[in-house]
Amino acid sequence: MPKSISWQNHCGEILDSVAGFDIIECRTCGFRHITPIPTPEELEKVYREDYYSTEKPLYLERHREDLEWWNLVYGERYDLFEQLLPSVRRRIVDVGSGPGFFLLQGKERGWDALGIEPSSQSAAHSRELGLEIVEEFLDDTLVTQLGTFDVVHLSQVLEHIPHPHDMVKRAHGLLAPGGLLCVIVPNDYSPFQHALRTACGFQPWWVAPPHHINFFDFASLKQLLERCGFEVLHQETTFPIDLFLLMGDNYIGNDDLGRACHGRRKNFELNLAKAGLGQVKQQLYQALAGLGLGREVVLIGRKR
């Protein structure tokens, strides 16, 4: 029988134990997360000073190398925002804006764009691009100082923070009535990952505490957004990169092979776009999302 534990007000079945942390199916939160959960103070130094220099030292360099592909990804995201909003509503805040390339595309399309980024390295790079950046963590005080926005973009953030519910509520507070929240998180404990563990003997490589605290799928992220006052309008995923693992290309711990697999993914998407078949790709990724597949969960919700 699976073992369950309680920690503070969290309780649930233990799914995995890695590096002194248990990953539980938390009945309190409605999503999977590690225990013990690091404190905000423990995490602040990591993301303000160390994250890009120690955990992702090649992040900026590789983002520049991949910029043609990223611009395709970002452009499709802005296309969707512009379809869902009136043309007069073009104010966006990117929470955890990283090096700023997503915001730069918005600015070039005529959006009023603001980034919130605690990493001094990434904030400096963004300012070099001519972007307006608040070099802080988003807290309740900052929410009251920023005004309102038509879109809050929250990509690769919720998996890293101790209280995702509070962050989604802050996003709700930043939005004007009818505004949009776009959330992107890894799709973890997915069917393909289950297949890799049971059929191929893989360990749960996606479990990386304390940097990844929370683990979402489509259902649990949708539930979180709905509990925080959003109506989910759209879901899709990103390329199911773990297909390469299932086909025998084990890129885990092999950076060269990982980059090669990523290059094939880029070619797939860029070539579809060049052929005028971007809509086909989007329909494919929406269909995969309906099956719980794909590497990331991408949801867009409207503030109720």
C-alpha atoms as a PDB file:
ATOM      1  CA  MET A   1       0.000   0.000   0.000  1.00  0.00           C
ATOM      2  CA  PRO A   2       1.412   3.463  -0.899  1.00  0.00           C
ATOM      3  CA  LYS A   3       2.647   5.440   2.082  1.00  0.00           C
ATOM      4  CA  SER A   4       0.989   8.738   2.975  1.00  0.00           C
ATOM      5  CA  ILE A   5       2.461  11.528   5.069  1.00  0.00           C
ATOM      6  CA  SER A   6       1.385  14.801   6.643  1.00  0.00           C
ATOM      7  CA  TRP A   7       3.609  17.879   6.795  1.00  0.00           C
ATOM      8  CA  GLN A   8       2.260  21.093   8.284  1.00  0.00           C
ATOM      9  CA  ASN A   9      -1.175  21.395   6.637  1.00  0.00           C
ATOM     10  CA  HIS A  10      -0.212  19.232   3.631  1.00  0.00           C
ATOM     11  CA  CYS A  11      -1.019  15.542   3.341  1.00  0.00           C
ATOM     12  CA  GLY A  12      -0.973  12.940   0.615  1.00  0.00           C
ATOM     13  CA  GLU A  13       0.465   9.786  -0.869  1.00  0.00           C
ATOM     14  CA  ILE A  14       4.228   9.726  -1.442  1.00  0.00           C
ATOM     15  CA  LEU A  15       5.005   9.334  -5.155  1.00  0.00           C
ATOM     16  CA  ASP A  16       8.813   9.590  -5.045  1.00  0.00           C
ATOM     17  CA  SER A  17      11.630  10.443  -2.656  1.00  0.00           C
ATOM     18  CA  VAL A  18      14.625  12.331  -4.053  1.00  0.00           C
ATOM     19  CA  ALA A  19      17.547  14.090  -2.331  1.00  0.00           C
ATOM     20  CA  GLY A  20      15.857  14.174   1.064  1.00  0.00           C
ATOM     21  CA  PHE A  21      12.507  15.398  -0.271  1.00  0.00           C
ATOM     22  CA  ASP A  22       9.231  13.486  -0.649  1.00  0.00           C
ATOM     23  CA  ILE A  23       6.939  14.252  -3.590  1.00  0.00           C
ATOM     24  CA  ILE A  24       3.315  13.924  -2.513  1.00  0.00           C
ATOM     25  CA  GLU A  25      -0.060  13.932  -4.245  1.00  0.00           C
ATOM     26  CA  CYS A  26      -1.289  16.694  -1.954  1.00  0.00           C
ATOM     27  CA  ARG A  27      -4.954  16.503  -1.033  1.00  0.00           C
ATOM     28  CA  THR A  28      -4.816  19.988   0.475  1.00  0.00           C
ATOM     29  CA  CYS A  29      -3.386  21.770  -2.579  1.00  0.00           C
ATOM     30  CA  GLY A  30      -4.839  19.656  -5.373  1.00  0.00           C
ATOM     31  CA  PHE A  31      -1.456  19.213  -7.082  1.00  0.00           C
ATOM     32  CA  ARG A  32       1.817  17.360  -6.495  1.00  0.00           C
ATOM     33  CA  HIS A  33       4.666  19.018  -4.635  1.00  0.00           C
ATOM     34  CA  ILE A  34       7.729  18.309  -2.547  1.00  0.00           C
ATOM     35  CA  THR A  35       7.934  18.219   1.225  1.00  0.00           C
ATOM     36  CA  PRO A  36       9.425  19.925   3.047  1.00  0.00           C
ATOM     37  CA  ILE A  37       8.733  23.066   1.021  1.00  0.00           C
ATOM     38  CA  PRO A  38      11.641  25.562   1.093  1.00  0.00           C
ATOM     39  CA  THR A  39      10.892  28.934   2.630  1.00  0.00           C
ATOM     40  CA  PRO A  40      10.653  32.062   0.458  1.00  0.00           C
ATOM     41  CA  GLU A  41      13.809  33.333   2.162  1.00  0.00           C
ATOM     42  CA  GLU A  42      15.729  30.185   1.196  1.00  0.00           C
ATOM     43  CA  LEU A  43      14.659  30.553  -2.419  1.00  0.00           C
ATOM     44  CA  GLU A  44      15.200  34.294  -2.775  1.00  0.00           C
ATOM     45  CA  LYS A  45      18.996  34.151  -2.898  1.00  0.00           C
ATOM     46  CA  VAL A  46      18.883  31.352  -5.486  1.00  0.00           C
ATOM     47  CA  TYR A  47      16.719  33.259  -7.956  1.00  0.00           C
ATOM     48  CA  ARG A  48      18.034  36.744  -7.289  1.00  0.00           C
ATOM     49  CA  GLU A  49      21.749  35.928  -7.503  1.00  0.00           C
ATOM     50  CA  ASP A  50      22.602  32.352  -8.440  1.00  0.00           C
ATOM     51  CA  TYR A  51      20.022  30.762 -10.729  1.00  0.00           C
ATOM     52  CA  TYR A  52      21.264  31.765 -14.176  1.00  0.00           C
ATOM     53  CA  SER A  53      24.952  31.713 -13.253  1.00  0.00           C
ATOM     54  CA  THR A  54      24.993  28.303 -11.532  1.00  0.00           C
ATOM     55  CA  GLU A  55      21.871  26.406 -12.614  1.00  0.00           C
ATOM     56  CA  LYS A  56      21.505  27.711 -16.183  1.00  0.00           C
ATOM     57  CA  PRO A  57      24.878  29.183 -17.179  1.00  0.00           C
ATOM     58  CA  LEU A  58      24.195  28.726 -20.921  1.00  0.00           C
ATOM     59  CA  TYR A  59      20.599  29.982 -20.808  1.00  0.00           C
ATOM     60  CA  LEU A  60      21.149  33.388 -22.413  1.00  0.00           C
ATOM     61  CA  GLU A  61      23.571  32.072 -25.027  1.00  0.00           C
ATOM     62  CA  ARG A  62      21.229  29.288 -26.086  1.00  0.00           C
ATOM     63  CA  HIS A  63      18.207  31.541 -26.091  1.00  0.00           C
ATOM     64  CA  ARG A  64      20.004  33.757 -28.595  1.00  0.00           C
ATOM     65  CA  GLU A  65      20.975  30.722 -30.707  1.00  0.00           C
ATOM     66  CA  ASP A  66      17.329  29.626 -30.776  1.00  0.00           C
ATOM     67  CA  LEU A  67      15.864  33.083 -31.303  1.00  0.00           C
ATOM     68  CA  GLU A  68      14.253  32.363 -34.688  1.00  0.00           C
ATOM     69  CA  TRP A  69      12.342  29.491 -33.126  1.00  0.00           C
ATOM     70  CA  TRP A  70      11.510  31.392 -29.936  1.00  0.00           C
ATOM     71  CA  ASN A  71      10.148  34.285 -31.986  1.00  0.00           C
ATOM     72  CA  LEU A  72       7.833  31.829 -33.732  1.00  0.00           C
ATOM     73  CA  VAL A  73       6.635  30.485 -30.367  1.00  0.00           C
ATOM     74  CA  TYR A  74       6.185  33.947 -28.899  1.00  0.00           C
ATOM     75  CA  GLY A  75       4.504  35.307 -32.007  1.00  0.00           C
ATOM     76  CA  GLU A  76       1.868  32.585 -31.926  1.00  0.00           C
ATOM     77  CA  ARG A  77       1.217  33.364 -28.256  1.00  0.00           C
ATOM     78  CA  TYR A  78       0.685  37.062 -28.965  1.00  0.00           C
ATOM     79  CA  ASP A  79      -1.546  36.135 -31.910  1.00  0.00           C
ATOM     80  CA  LEU A  80      -3.778  34.268 -29.482  1.00  0.00           C
ATOM     81  CA  PHE A  81      -3.896  37.137 -26.994  1.00  0.00           C
ATOM     82  CA  GLU A  82      -4.842  39.526 -29.791  1.00  0.00           C
ATOM     83  CA  GLN A  83      -7.634  37.201 -30.927  1.00  0.00           C
ATOM     84  CA  LEU A  84      -9.082  37.060 -27.407  1.00  0.00           C
ATOM     85  CA  LEU A  85      -8.878  40.786 -26.564  1.00  0.00           C
ATOM     86  CA  PRO A  86     -10.226  43.970 -28.158  1.00  0.00           C
ATOM     87  CA  SER A  87      -7.611  45.862 -30.153  1.00  0.00           C
ATOM     88  CA  VAL A  88      -7.453  48.684 -27.591  1.00  0.00           C
ATOM     89  CA  ARG A  89      -6.285  46.303 -24.837  1.00  0.00           C
ATOM     90  CA  ARG A  90      -2.544  45.824 -25.235  1.00  0.00           C
ATOM     91  CA  ARG A  91      -0.900  46.115 -21.794  1.00  0.00           C
ATOM     92  CA  ILE A  92       1.073  43.071 -20.625  1.00  0.00           C
ATOM     93  CA  VAL A  93       3.200  42.160 -17.618  1.00  0.00           C
ATOM     94  CA  ASP A  94       5.538  39.174 -17.759  1.00  0.00           C
ATOM     95  CA  VAL A  95       6.157  37.780 -14.264  1.00  0.00           C
ATOM     96  CA  GLY A  96       9.543  36.079 -14.269  1.00  0.00           C
ATOM     97  CA  SER A  97      10.473  37.730 -17.555  1.00  0.00           C
ATOM     98  CA  GLY A  98      13.972  36.225 -17.803  1.00  0.00           C
ATOM     99  CA  PRO A  99      16.178  37.670 -20.552  1.00  0.00           C
ATOM    100  CA  GLY A 100      13.292  39.706 -21.990  1.00  0.00           C
ATOM    101  CA  PHE A 101      12.884  38.250 -25.484  1.00  0.00           C
ATOM    102  CA  PHE A 102       9.177  37.507 -24.991  1.00  0.00           C
ATOM    103  CA  LEU A 103       8.514  41.083 -23.877  1.00  0.00           C
ATOM    104  CA  LEU A 104      10.637  42.475 -26.704  1.00  0.00           C
ATOM    105  CA  GLN A 105       8.383  40.844 -29.261  1.00  0.00           C
ATOM    106  CA  GLY A 106       5.354  42.344 -27.549  1.00  0.00           C
ATOM    107  CA  LYS A 107       6.928  45.794 -27.550  1.00  0.00           C
ATOM    108  CA  GLU A 108       7.736  45.456 -31.255  1.00  0.00           C
ATOM    109  CA  ARG A 109       4.064  44.574 -31.891  1.00  0.00           C
ATOM    110  CA  GLY A 110       2.918  47.728 -30.115  1.00  0.00           C
ATOM    111  CA  TRP A 111       2.175  46.342 -26.665  1.00  0.00           C
ATOM    112  CA  ASP A 112       2.839  48.330 -23.489  1.00  0.00           C
ATOM    113  CA  ALA A 113       5.162  45.768 -21.885  1.00  0.00           C
ATOM    114  CA  LEU A 114       6.543  45.464 -18.351  1.00  0.00           C
ATOM    115  CA  GLY A 115       8.723  42.723 -16.889  1.00  0.00           C
ATOM    116  CA  ILE A 116       9.086  41.573 -13.288  1.00  0.00           C
ATOM    117  CA  GLU A 117      12.373  39.715 -12.861  1.00  0.00           C
ATOM    118  CA  PRO A 118      14.358  39.145  -9.636  1.00  0.00           C
ATOM    119  CA  SER A 119      17.538  37.927 -11.356  1.00  0.00           C
ATOM    120  CA  SER A 120      19.989  40.813 -11.620  1.00  0.00           C
ATOM    121  CA  GLN A 121      21.674  39.200 -14.649  1.00  0.00           C
ATOM    122  CA  SER A 122      18.440  38.782 -16.597  1.00  0.00           C
ATOM    123  CA  ALA A 123      17.103  42.186 -15.586  1.00  0.00           C
ATOM    124  CA  ALA A 124      20.293  43.843 -16.853  1.00  0.00           C
ATOM    125  CA  HIS A 125      20.055  41.988 -20.178  1.00  0.00           C
ATOM    126  CA  SER A 126      16.413  43.030 -20.564  1.00  0.00           C
ATOM    127  CA  ARG A 127      17.247  46.672 -19.965  1.00  0.00           C
ATOM    128  CA  GLU A 128      19.916  46.433 -22.666  1.00  0.00           C
ATOM    129  CA  LEU A 129      17.042  45.492 -25.005  1.00  0.00           C
ATOM    130  CA  GLY A 130      15.251  48.708 -24.030  1.00  0.00           C
ATOM    131  CA  LEU A 131      12.667  47.041 -21.794  1.00  0.00           C
ATOM    132  CA  GLU A 132      11.140  48.319 -18.574  1.00  0.00           C
ATOM    133  CA  ILE A 133      11.914  45.877 -15.754  1.00  0.00           C
ATOM    134  CA  VAL A 134      10.995  45.806 -12.069  1.00  0.00           C
ATOM    135  CA  GLU A 135      13.847  43.888 -10.432  1.00  0.00           C
ATOM    136  CA  GLU A 136      11.820  42.321  -7.628  1.00  0.00           C
ATOM    137  CA  PHE A 137       9.741  39.316  -6.670  1.00  0.00           C
ATOM    138  CA  LEU A 138       6.015  39.843  -7.181  1.00  0.00           C
ATOM    139  CA  ASP A 139       4.451  40.256  -3.733  1.00  0.00           C
ATOM    140  CA  ASP A 140       1.177  41.716  -2.480  1.00  0.00           C
ATOM    141  CA  THR A 141       2.687  45.175  -2.016  1.00  0.00           C
ATOM    142  CA  LEU A 142       4.017  45.317  -5.575  1.00  0.00           C
ATOM    143  CA  VAL A 143       0.611  44.276  -6.936  1.00  0.00           C
ATOM    144  CA  THR A 144      -0.914  47.433  -5.440  1.00  0.00           C
ATOM    145  CA  GLN A 145       1.769  49.638  -7.052  1.00  0.00           C
ATOM    146  CA  LEU A 146       1.724  48.468 -10.664  1.00  0.00           C
ATOM    147  CA  GLY A 147      -1.781  49.278 -11.853  1.00  0.00           C
ATOM    148  CA  THR A 148      -3.772  46.901 -14.040  1.00  0.00           C
ATOM    149  CA  PHE A 149      -2.940  44.920 -17.166  1.00  0.00           C
ATOM    150  CA  ASP A 150      -4.765  43.165 -19.972  1.00  0.00           C
ATOM    151  CA  VAL A 151      -2.479  40.101 -19.906  1.00  0.00           C
ATOM    152  CA  VAL A 152      -0.384  38.525 -17.168  1.00  0.00           C
ATOM    153  CA  HIS A 153       2.180  36.088 -18.585  1.00  0.00           C
ATOM    154  CA  LEU A 154       3.451  33.496 -16.094  1.00  0.00           C
ATOM    155  CA  SER A 155       5.817  31.087 -17.840  1.00  0.00           C
ATOM    156  CA  GLN A 156       7.980  28.556 -15.968  1.00  0.00           C
ATOM    157  CA  VAL A 157       7.244  30.180 -12.612  1.00  0.00           C
ATOM    158  CA  LEU A 158       4.636  28.208 -10.663  1.00  0.00           C
ATOM    159  CA  GLU A 159       6.788  25.080 -10.444  1.00  0.00           C
ATOM    160  CA  HIS A 160       9.509  27.048  -8.625  1.00  0.00           C
ATOM    161  CA  ILE A 161       7.615  28.857  -5.861  1.00  0.00           C
ATOM    162  CA  PRO A 162       6.354  27.693  -2.460  1.00  0.00           C
ATOM    163  CA  HIS A 163       2.805  29.054  -2.757  1.00  0.00           C
ATOM    164  CA  PRO A 164       1.417  28.866  -6.339  1.00  0.00           C
ATOM    165  CA  HIS A 165      -2.112  29.708  -5.182  1.00  0.00           C
ATOM    166  CA  ASP A 166      -0.907  33.061  -3.829  1.00  0.00           C
ATOM    167  CA  MET A 167       0.883  33.860  -7.101  1.00  0.00           C
ATOM    168  CA  VAL A 168      -2.210  33.126  -9.202  1.00  0.00           C
ATOM    169  CA  LYS A 169      -4.291  35.330  -6.890  1.00  0.00           C
ATOM    170  CA  ARG A 170      -1.730  38.122  -7.351  1.00  0.00           C
ATOM    171  CA  ALA A 171      -2.047  37.708 -11.118  1.00  0.00           C
ATOM    172  CA  HIS A 172      -5.815  38.010 -10.702  1.00  0.00           C
ATOM    173  CA  GLY A 173      -5.277  41.254  -8.791  1.00  0.00           C
ATOM    174  CA  LEU A 174      -3.090  42.679 -11.576  1.00  0.00           C
ATOM    175  CA  LEU A 175      -5.682  42.114 -14.292  1.00  0.00           C
ATOM    176  CA  ALA A 176      -8.323  44.509 -15.502  1.00  0.00           C
ATOM    177  CA  PRO A 177     -11.845  43.025 -15.758  1.00  0.00           C
ATOM    178  CA  GLY A 178     -11.884  40.371 -18.469  1.00  0.00           C
ATOM    179  CA  GLY A 179      -8.082  40.272 -18.628  1.00  0.00           C
ATOM    180  CA  LEU A 180      -6.123  37.150 -19.532  1.00  0.00           C
ATOM    181  CA  LEU A 181      -3.711  35.008 -17.546  1.00  0.00           C
ATOM    182  CA  CYS A 182      -1.357  32.786 -19.564  1.00  0.00           C
ATOM    183  CA  VAL A 183       0.384  30.077 -17.507  1.00  0.00           C
ATOM    184  CA  ILE A 184       3.037  27.653 -18.797  1.00  0.00           C
ATOM    185  CA  VAL A 185       4.423  24.897 -16.556  1.00  0.00           C
ATOM    186  CA  PRO A 186       6.087  21.522 -17.181  1.00  0.00           C
ATOM    187  CA  ASN A 187       3.639  18.649 -17.699  1.00  0.00           C
ATOM    188  CA  ASP A 188       5.067  16.235 -15.136  1.00  0.00           C
ATOM    189  CA  TYR A 189       4.015  12.731 -14.116  1.00  0.00           C
ATOM    190  CA  SER A 190       2.617  12.509 -17.656  1.00  0.00           C
ATOM    191  CA  PRO A 191       1.596   9.298 -19.475  1.00  0.00           C
ATOM    192  CA  PHE A 192       4.832   9.303 -21.510  1.00  0.00           C
ATOM    193  CA  GLN A 193       6.899   9.696 -18.345  1.00  0.00           C
ATOM    194  CA  HIS A 194       4.953   6.810 -16.800  1.00  0.00           C
ATOM    195  CA  ALA A 195       5.766   4.679 -19.852  1.00  0.00           C
ATOM    196  CA  LEU A 196       9.459   5.537 -19.577  1.00  0.00           C
ATOM    197  CA  ARG A 197       9.516   4.484 -15.939  1.00  0.00           C
ATOM    198  CA  THR A 198       7.536   1.267 -16.276  1.00  0.00           C
ATOM    199  CA  ALA A 199       8.752   0.025 -19.675  1.00  0.00           C
ATOM    200  CA  CYS A 200      12.255   1.480 -19.867  1.00  0.00           C
ATOM    201  CA  GLY A 201      13.394   1.706 -16.250  1.00  0.00           C
ATOM    202  CA  PHE A 202      13.894   5.480 -16.170  1.00  0.00           C
ATOM    203  CA  GLN A 203      14.161   7.268 -12.852  1.00  0.00           C
ATOM    204  CA  PRO A 204      12.038  10.442 -12.399  1.00  0.00           C
ATOM    205  CA  TRP A 205      14.581  12.839 -13.929  1.00  0.00           C
ATOM    206  CA  TRP A 206      12.055  15.698 -13.898  1.00  0.00           C
ATOM    207  CA  VAL A 207      12.047  15.716 -10.078  1.00  0.00           C
ATOM    208  CA  ALA A 208      14.689  18.322  -9.222  1.00  0.00           C
ATOM    209  CA  PRO A 209      14.227  19.679  -5.694  1.00  0.00           C
ATOM    210  CA  PRO A 210      14.514  22.281  -4.391  1.00  0.00           C
ATOM    211  CA  HIS A 211      14.366  24.153  -7.733  1.00  0.00           C
ATOM    212  CA  HIS A 212      11.203  22.375  -8.828  1.00  0.00           C
ATOM    213  CA  ILE A 213       8.776  22.401  -5.919  1.00  0.00           C
ATOM    214  CA  ASN A 214       5.437  21.789  -7.664  1.00  0.00           C
ATOM    215  CA  PHE A 215       4.380  19.343 -10.386  1.00  0.00           C
ATOM    216  CA  PHE A 216       1.281  20.063 -12.456  1.00  0.00           C
ATOM    217  CA  ASP A 217      -0.746  18.379 -15.163  1.00  0.00           C
ATOM    218  CA  PHE A 218      -3.621  19.815 -17.215  1.00  0.00           C
ATOM    219  CA  ALA A 219      -6.313  18.927 -14.681  1.00  0.00           C
ATOM    220  CA  SER A 220      -4.528  20.214 -11.583  1.00  0.00           C
ATOM    221  CA  LEU A 221      -3.476  23.514 -13.186  1.00  0.00           C
ATOM    222  CA  LYS A 222      -6.985  24.092 -14.546  1.00  0.00           C
ATOM    223  CA  GLN A 223      -8.409  23.450 -11.086  1.00  0.00           C
ATOM    224  CA  LEU A 224      -5.965  25.931  -9.533  1.00  0.00           C
ATOM    225  CA  LEU A 225      -6.905  28.672 -11.996  1.00  0.00           C
ATOM    226  CA  GLU A 226     -10.616  28.091 -11.492  1.00  0.00           C
ATOM    227  CA  ARG A 227     -10.227  28.223  -7.696  1.00  0.00           C
ATOM    228  CA  CYS A 228      -8.498  31.593  -8.076  1.00  0.00           C
ATOM    229  CA  GLY A 229     -11.238  33.249 -10.124  1.00  0.00           C
ATOM    230  CA  PHE A 230     -10.444  32.364 -13.750  1.00  0.00           C
ATOM    231  CA  GLU A 231     -12.430  30.759 -16.544  1.00  0.00           C
ATOM    232  CA  VAL A 232     -10.075  28.629 -18.664  1.00  0.00           C
ATOM    233  CA  LEU A 233     -10.573  29.536 -22.334  1.00  0.00           C
ATOM    234  CA  HIS A 234      -7.744  27.677 -24.051  1.00  0.00           C
ATOM    235  CA  GLN A 235      -5.363  24.801 -23.479  1.00  0.00           C
ATOM    236  CA  GLU A 236      -2.516  23.470 -25.568  1.00  0.00           C
ATOM    237  CA  THR A 237       0.857  21.853 -25.073  1.00  0.00           C
ATOM    238  CA  THR A 238       4.350  22.032 -26.500  1.00  0.00           C
ATOM    239  CA  PHE A 239       6.258  19.441 -28.504  1.00  0.00           C
ATOM    240  CA  PRO A 240       6.377  16.068 -26.653  1.00  0.00           C
ATOM    241  CA  ILE A 241      10.166  15.972 -26.463  1.00  0.00           C
ATOM    242  CA  ASP A 242      10.050  12.764 -24.383  1.00  0.00           C
ATOM    243  CA  LEU A 243       9.044  10.938 -27.569  1.00  0.00           C
ATOM    244  CA  PHE A 244      12.761  10.855 -28.349  1.00  0.00           C
ATOM    245  CA  LEU A 245      13.371   8.989 -25.082  1.00  0.00           C
ATOM    246  CA  LEU A 246      10.666   6.466 -25.938  1.00  0.00           C
ATOM    247  CA  MET A 247      12.294   5.950 -29.352  1.00  0.00           C
ATOM    248  CA  GLY A 248      15.716   5.266 -27.823  1.00  0.00           C
ATOM    249  CA  ASP A 249      17.467   8.647 -27.872  1.00  0.00           C
ATOM    250  CA  ASN A 250      18.345   8.952 -24.189  1.00  0.00           C
ATOM    251  CA  TYR A 251      19.337  12.583 -23.816  1.00  0.00           C
ATOM    252  CA  ILE A 252      19.069  12.607 -20.000  1.00  0.00           C
ATOM    253  CA  GLY A 253      22.471  13.775 -18.781  1.00  0.00           C
ATOM    254  CA  ASN A 254      23.740  13.973 -22.388  1.00  0.00           C
ATOM    255  CA  ASP A 255      23.780  17.635 -23.327  1.00  0.00           C
ATOM    256  CA  ASP A 256      24.957  17.111 -26.910  1.00  0.00           C
ATOM    257  CA  LEU A 257      22.179  14.633 -27.661  1.00  0.00           C
ATOM    258  CA  GLY A 258      19.676  16.839 -25.865  1.00  0.00           C
ATOM    259  CA  ARG A 259      20.591  19.776 -28.090  1.00  0.00           C
ATOM    260  CA  ALA A 260      20.322  17.552 -31.172  1.00  0.00           C
ATOM    261  CA  CYS A 261      16.814  16.425 -30.179  1.00  0.00           C
ATOM    262  CA  HIS A 262      15.853  20.019 -29.462  1.00  0.00           C
ATOM    263  CA  GLY A 263      17.150  20.953 -32.923  1.00  0.00           C
ATOM    264  CA  ARG A 264      14.857  18.377 -34.526  1.00  0.00           C
ATOM    265  CA  ARG A 265      11.922  19.798 -32.596  1.00  0.00           C
ATOM    266  CA  LYS A 266      12.811  23.288 -33.837  1.00  0.00           C
ATOM    267  CA  ASN A 267      13.075  22.053 -37.432  1.00  0.00           C
ATOM    268  CA  PHE A 268       9.678  20.370 -37.174  1.00  0.00           C
ATOM    269  CA  GLU A 269       7.964  23.555 -36.012  1.00  0.00           C
ATOM    270  CA  LEU A 270       9.851  25.999 -38.238  1.00  0.00           C
ATOM    271  CA  ASN A 271       9.262  23.895 -41.349  1.00  0.00           C
ATOM    272  CA  LEU A 272       5.540  23.644 -40.652  1.00  0.00           C
ATOM    273  CA  ALA A 273       5.435  27.420 -40.278  1.00  0.00           C
ATOM    274  CA  LYS A 274       7.354  27.934 -43.541  1.00  0.00           C
ATOM    275  CA  ALA A 275       4.869  25.633 -45.274  1.00  0.00           C
ATOM    276  CA  GLY A 276       1.955  27.698 -43.980  1.00  0.00           C
ATOM    277  CA  LEU A 277       0.828  24.891 -41.675  1.00  0.00           C
ATOM    278  CA  GLY A 278       1.170  26.614 -38.322  1.00  0.00           C
ATOM    279  CA  GLN A 279      -2.531  26.086 -37.684  1.00  0.00           C
ATOM    280  CA  VAL A 280      -2.105  22.338 -38.182  1.00  0.00           C
ATOM    281  CA  LYS A 281       0.628  22.314 -35.544  1.00  0.00           C
ATOM    282  CA  GLN A 282      -1.577  24.238 -33.132  1.00  0.00           C
ATOM    283  CA  GLN A 283      -4.448  21.798 -33.663  1.00  0.00           C
ATOM    284  CA  LEU A 284      -2.059  18.896 -33.067  1.00  0.00           C
ATOM    285  CA  TYR A 285      -0.824  20.408 -29.804  1.00  0.00           C
ATOM    286  CA  GLN A 286      -4.378  21.092 -28.653  1.00  0.00           C
ATOM    287  CA  ALA A 287      -5.303  17.472 -29.392  1.00  0.00           C
ATOM    288  CA  LEU A 288      -2.267  16.196 -27.465  1.00  0.00           C
ATOM    289  CA  ALA A 289      -3.235  18.415 -24.536  1.00  0.00           C
ATOM    290  CA  GLY A 290      -6.653  16.762 -24.498  1.00  0.00           C
ATOM    291  CA  LEU A 291      -4.862  13.435 -23.970  1.00  0.00           C
ATOM    292  CA  GLY A 292      -2.668  14.817 -21.186  1.00  0.00           C
ATOM    293  CA  LEU A 293       0.412  14.629 -23.432  1.00  0.00           C
ATOM    294  CA  GLY A 294       3.119  17.103 -24.414  1.00  0.00           C
ATOM    295  CA  ARG A 295       6.046  18.524 -22.483  1.00  0.00           C
ATOM    296  CA  GLU A 296       4.294  21.587 -21.070  1.00  0.00           C
ATOM    297  CA  VAL A 297       0.855  22.640 -19.911  1.00  0.00           C
ATOM    298  CA  VAL A 298      -0.231  25.910 -21.537  1.00  0.00           C
ATOM    299  CA  LEU A 299      -3.474  27.423 -20.233  1.00  0.00           C
ATOM    300  CA  ILE A 300      -5.120  30.784 -20.861  1.00  0.00           C
ATOM    301  CA  GLY A 301      -7.784  31.918 -18.426  1.00  0.00           C
ATOM    302  CA  ARG A 302     -10.015  34.982 -18.348  1.00  0.00           C
ATOM    303  CA  LYS A 303     -10.547  36.877 -15.115  1.00  0.00           C
ATOM    304  CA  ARG A 304     -14.085  36.379 -13.873  1.00  0.00           C
END
